[in-house]
């Protein structure tokens, strides 16, 4: 009987792990498809060009804080793995 319980427990752990991995892969793939669809729709909605002065490079460069917050959002929603998050964070911080 203990052997049967071990087998059932092992099967439950494997099935739970497989379900978790499958859900994560599906979520990440869905996010990628959504980004692709958004990028394909963006050229169709061309905004009118503004008649403003050319901004200096310092004005267009996002701050480190902005980049880190965007990176944190990508990590929180599952788009980035822990390793990818750590690598990109290290690049931003120097």
Protein backbone atom coordinates (compact mmCIF):
# COMPACT_ATOMS: atom_id res chain seq x y z
CA UNK A 1 0.00 0.00 0.00
CA UNK A 2 2.77 2.60 0.74
CA UNK A 3 4.20 1.87 -2.68
CA UNK A 4 0.86 2.69 -4.30
CA UNK A 5 0.61 5.96 -2.35
CA UNK A 6 4.12 6.93 -3.43
CA UNK A 7 3.23 6.23 -7.06
CA UNK A 8 0.01 8.23 -6.80
CA UNK A 9 1.83 11.12 -5.13
CA UNK A 10 4.59 11.09 -7.73
CA UNK A 11 2.01 11.09 -10.54
CA UNK A 12 0.20 14.02 -8.93
CA UNK A 13 3.42 16.02 -8.68
CA UNK A 14 4.34 15.30 -12.30
CA UNK A 15 0.86 16.19 -13.53
CA UNK A 16 0.85 19.40 -11.49
CA UNK A 17 4.25 20.39 -12.84
CA UNK A 18 3.19 19.64 -16.40
CA UNK A 19 0.05 21.72 -15.98
CA UNK A 20 2.00 24.65 -14.54
CA UNK A 21 4.55 24.55 -17.35
CA UNK A 22 1.85 24.23 -19.99
CA UNK A 23 -0.07 27.20 -18.59
CA UNK A 24 3.06 29.34 -18.46
CA UNK A 25 4.00 28.48 -22.03
CA UNK A 26 0.46 29.25 -23.21
CA UNK A 27 0.45 32.59 -21.38
CA UNK A 28 3.84 33.60 -22.81
CA UNK A 29 2.82 32.56 -26.33
CA UNK A 30 -0.44 34.49 -26.00
CA UNK A 31 1.49 37.59 -24.96
CA UNK A 32 3.80 37.22 -27.97
CA UNK A 33 0.85 36.85 -30.35
CA UNK A 34 -0.81 39.90 -28.85
CA UNK A 35 2.38 41.93 -29.36
CA UNK A 36 2.64 40.73 -32.96
CA UNK A 37 -0.97 41.67 -33.65
CA UNK A 38 -0.46 45.08 -32.08
CA UNK A 39 2.66 45.72 -34.15
CA UNK A 40 0.83 44.69 -37.34
CA UNK A 41 -2.08 47.01 -36.58
CA UNK A 42 0.15 49.96 -35.67
CA UNK A 43 1.23 50.87 -39.26
CA UNK A 44 -2.42 51.13 -40.34
CA UNK A 45 -3.10 53.79 -37.70
CA UNK A 46 -0.45 56.29 -38.74
CA UNK A 47 -0.79 59.41 -36.58
CA UNK A 48 -0.39 62.83 -38.11
CA UNK A 49 3.16 64.13 -37.77
CA UNK A 50 3.51 66.89 -35.20
CA UNK A 51 5.13 70.16 -36.14
CA UNK A 52 7.45 70.31 -33.16
CA UNK A 53 11.15 70.95 -32.85
CA UNK A 54 13.45 67.96 -32.92
CA UNK A 55 13.97 66.80 -29.34
CA UNK A 56 17.48 66.44 -28.10
CA UNK A 57 18.81 62.87 -27.56
CA UNK A 58 18.58 63.36 -23.80
CA UNK A 59 14.81 63.99 -24.11
CA UNK A 60 14.14 60.79 -26.05
CA UNK A 61 16.25 58.45 -23.93
CA UNK A 62 14.17 56.76 -21.23
CA UNK A 63 15.54 56.99 -17.73
CA UNK A 64 16.93 53.97 -15.94
CA UNK A 65 13.96 54.07 -13.58
CA UNK A 66 11.51 53.92 -16.51
CA UNK A 67 13.40 51.04 -18.10
CA UNK A 68 13.53 49.13 -14.81
CA UNK A 69 9.82 49.61 -14.20
CA UNK A 70 9.00 48.32 -17.70
CA UNK A 71 11.34 45.41 -17.13
CA UNK A 72 9.62 44.64 -13.83
CA UNK A 73 6.22 44.64 -15.53
CA UNK A 74 7.45 42.20 -18.17
CA UNK A 75 8.84 39.94 -15.46
CA UNK A 76 5.65 40.16 -13.38
CA UNK A 77 3.36 39.19 -16.25
CA UNK A 78 5.55 36.20 -17.17
CA UNK A 79 7.02 37.52 -20.42
CA UNK A 80 10.56 37.37 -19.02
CA UNK A 81 12.06 34.49 -17.09
CA UNK A 82 14.07 35.11 -13.93
CA UNK A 83 17.33 34.69 -15.86
CA UNK A 84 16.27 37.07 -18.64
CA UNK A 85 15.12 39.61 -16.04
CA UNK A 86 18.41 39.45 -14.16
CA UNK A 87 20.46 39.82 -17.35
CA UNK A 88 18.50 42.83 -18.61
CA UNK A 89 18.55 44.45 -15.17
CA UNK A 90 22.33 44.08 -15.04
CA UNK A 91 22.62 45.74 -18.49
CA UNK A 92 20.49 48.69 -17.41
CA UNK A 93 22.31 49.21 -14.14
CA UNK A 94 25.69 49.08 -15.77
